[in-house]
Amino acid sequence: MELKDLVNVSGIVGRLLGEKWRANVRYKLDTYADLANKDLERFNKIRLELYEKYGDKEPVIDENGAKVLDKQGEVQTQYKLRAEEVENFNKELQELVEEECNLKFNPLTLDDFGDFEFEQFEIKALIAAGLVKDPMEE
């Protein structure tokens, strides 16, 4: 599986963690989330480093042209990629998301989720990220 598969499935896993499951299913979901979060934290750290490398920090501006403040009263900032660096940023980010990651995890089956309703794209993402076994391979 590639890092992009973990990124794509993270929201779905969050939704699943908000549901009530049988103890063994919950255990597997929690285990998967713990393993995936370690890789996602590394991914986000490196992605931020790419923004720092190829972009410049600037204040967030609202629709009225005023600087946006956070809860502590500090000016919120964001990175803006330098125009001449967009291609380099995209190339490195693409290489990063295609990096292989191997979570040692015993996947669930769709049957483990009972009558929970998934969208088709969610099922594909769960399979690609190794959380659920591909029913076609069973």
Protein backbone atom coordinates (compact mmCIF):
# COMPACT_ATOMS: atom_id res chain seq x y z
CA MET A 1 0.00 0.00 0.00
CA GLU A 2 1.11 3.57 -0.62
CA LEU A 3 0.96 6.55 1.72
CA LYS A 4 -1.79 8.08 -0.42
CA ASP A 5 -3.98 5.09 0.48
CA LEU A 6 -3.62 5.93 4.18
CA VAL A 7 -4.36 9.59 3.51
CA ASN A 8 -7.46 8.67 1.48
CA VAL A 9 -8.86 6.35 4.15
CA SER A 10 -8.16 8.45 7.25
CA GLY A 11 -11.54 10.23 7.26
CA ILE A 12 -13.41 6.96 6.79
CA VAL A 13 -11.50 5.36 9.67
CA GLY A 14 -12.36 8.36 11.84
CA ARG A 15 -16.04 7.87 11.03
CA LEU A 16 -15.83 4.15 11.81
CA LEU A 17 -14.16 4.87 15.15
CA GLY A 18 -17.18 6.98 16.08
CA GLU A 19 -19.49 3.95 15.81
CA LYS A 20 -20.18 1.15 18.27
CA TRP A 21 -18.76 -2.23 17.22
CA ARG A 22 -18.28 -5.69 18.63
CA ALA A 23 -15.19 -5.77 20.85
CA ASN A 24 -13.00 -7.66 18.36
CA VAL A 25 -13.88 -5.29 15.50
CA ARG A 26 -13.24 -2.25 17.71
CA TYR A 27 -9.88 -3.70 18.75
CA LYS A 28 -8.84 -4.14 15.12
CA LEU A 29 -10.04 -0.64 14.19
CA ASP A 30 -8.10 0.89 17.09
CA THR A 31 -5.00 -1.14 16.19
CA TYR A 32 -5.20 -0.06 12.55
CA ALA A 33 -5.72 3.59 13.53
CA ASP A 34 -2.69 3.51 15.84
CA LEU A 35 -0.47 2.02 13.14
CA ALA A 36 -1.76 4.32 10.40
CA ASN A 37 -1.45 7.44 12.56
CA LYS A 38 2.28 6.88 13.00
CA ASP A 39 2.78 6.89 9.23
CA LEU A 40 0.36 9.81 8.75
CA GLU A 41 2.19 11.88 11.36
CA ARG A 42 5.49 11.27 9.53
CA PHE A 43 3.80 12.11 6.22
CA ASN A 44 2.39 15.39 7.57
CA LYS A 45 5.75 16.36 9.10
CA ILE A 46 7.55 15.81 5.80
CA ARG A 47 4.78 17.53 3.81
CA LEU A 48 5.18 20.59 6.07
CA GLU A 49 8.92 20.50 5.41
CA LEU A 50 8.15 20.60 1.67
CA TYR A 51 5.99 23.68 2.16
CA GLU A 52 8.81 25.29 4.13
CA LYS A 53 11.30 24.37 1.40
CA TYR A 54 9.24 25.57 -1.58
CA GLY A 55 6.95 28.21 -0.09
CA ASP A 56 6.81 31.33 1.99
CA LYS A 57 4.75 31.89 5.12
CA GLU A 58 2.23 34.66 4.87
CA PRO A 59 -0.72 35.85 6.96
CA VAL A 60 -4.22 34.47 6.34
CA ILE A 61 -6.45 37.27 5.03
CA ASP A 62 -10.25 37.24 5.36
CA GLU A 63 -12.79 38.42 2.78
CA ASN A 64 -12.52 42.00 4.11
CA GLY A 65 -8.75 42.12 3.68
CA ALA A 66 -8.02 41.84 7.41
CA LYS A 67 -5.51 39.45 8.95
CA VAL A 68 -7.16 36.45 10.65
CA LEU A 69 -6.28 35.89 14.31
CA ASP A 70 -6.25 32.57 16.17
CA LYS A 71 -7.75 32.00 19.65
CA GLN A 72 -4.61 33.39 21.30
CA GLY A 73 -4.79 36.60 19.25
CA GLU A 74 -1.84 35.64 17.05
CA VAL A 75 -1.98 36.19 13.29
CA GLN A 76 -2.74 32.92 11.48
CA THR A 77 -0.29 32.05 8.74
CA GLN A 78 -0.25 29.73 5.77
CA TYR A 79 2.29 28.73 3.17
CA LYS A 80 2.12 30.01 -0.37
CA LEU A 81 4.24 28.12 -2.85
CA ARG A 82 6.66 30.23 -4.83
CA ALA A 83 5.55 30.15 -8.49
CA GLU A 84 8.95 28.96 -9.70
CA GLU A 85 8.87 26.07 -7.18
CA VAL A 86 5.39 24.62 -7.78
CA GLU A 87 6.68 21.95 -10.15
CA ASN A 88 9.45 20.89 -7.75
CA PHE A 89 6.99 20.79 -4.84
CA ASN A 90 4.49 18.69 -6.80
CA LYS A 91 7.21 16.28 -7.92
CA GLU A 92 8.48 15.68 -4.39
CA LEU A 93 4.97 15.43 -2.94
CA GLN A 94 4.00 12.89 -5.62
CA GLU A 95 7.09 10.83 -4.81
CA LEU A 96 6.17 10.98 -1.13
CA VAL A 97 2.53 9.86 -1.51
CA GLU A 98 3.65 6.97 -3.72
CA GLU A 99 6.04 5.74 -1.03
CA GLU A 100 5.23 2.21 0.12
CA CYS A 101 4.20 1.63 3.70
CA ASN A 102 3.62 -1.74 5.27
CA LEU A 103 1.24 -1.89 8.17
CA LYS A 104 1.39 -5.28 9.81
CA PHE A 105 -2.33 -5.76 10.29
CA ASN A 106 -4.84 -8.60 10.05
CA PRO A 107 -7.60 -7.01 7.92
CA LEU A 108 -11.29 -7.04 8.67
CA THR A 109 -13.97 -8.22 6.25
CA LEU A 110 -16.99 -6.24 5.10
CA ASP A 111 -19.11 -8.76 7.04
CA ASP A 112 -17.44 -7.55 10.25
CA PHE A 113 -19.28 -4.24 9.77
CA GLY A 114 -22.73 -5.86 9.60
CA ASP A 115 -25.31 -3.61 7.97
CA PHE A 116 -23.16 -0.47 8.13
CA GLU A 117 -23.66 1.43 4.88
CA PHE A 118 -20.55 2.30 2.91
CA GLU A 119 -20.29 4.26 -0.31
CA GLN A 120 -18.54 2.35 -3.10
CA PHE A 121 -15.53 4.71 -3.00
CA GLU A 122 -15.19 4.05 0.75
CA ILE A 123 -15.04 0.30 0.21
CA LYS A 124 -12.35 0.76 -2.44
CA ALA A 125 -10.37 3.02 -0.11
CA LEU A 126 -10.66 0.56 2.81
CA ILE A 127 -9.40 -2.27 0.61
CA ALA A 128 -6.56 -0.20 -0.90
CA ALA A 129 -5.43 0.81 2.60
CA GLY A 130 -5.43 -2.77 3.84
CA LEU A 131 -8.10 -2.31 6.50
CA VAL A 132 -10.58 -4.61 4.75
CA LYS A 133 -9.91 -7.77 2.75
CA ASP A 134 -10.88 -7.59 -0.88
CA PRO A 135 -14.04 -9.77 -1.12
CA MET A 136 -13.01 -10.78 -4.65
CA GLU A 137 -9.88 -12.45 -3.25
CA GLU A 138 -11.68 -14.46 -0.57
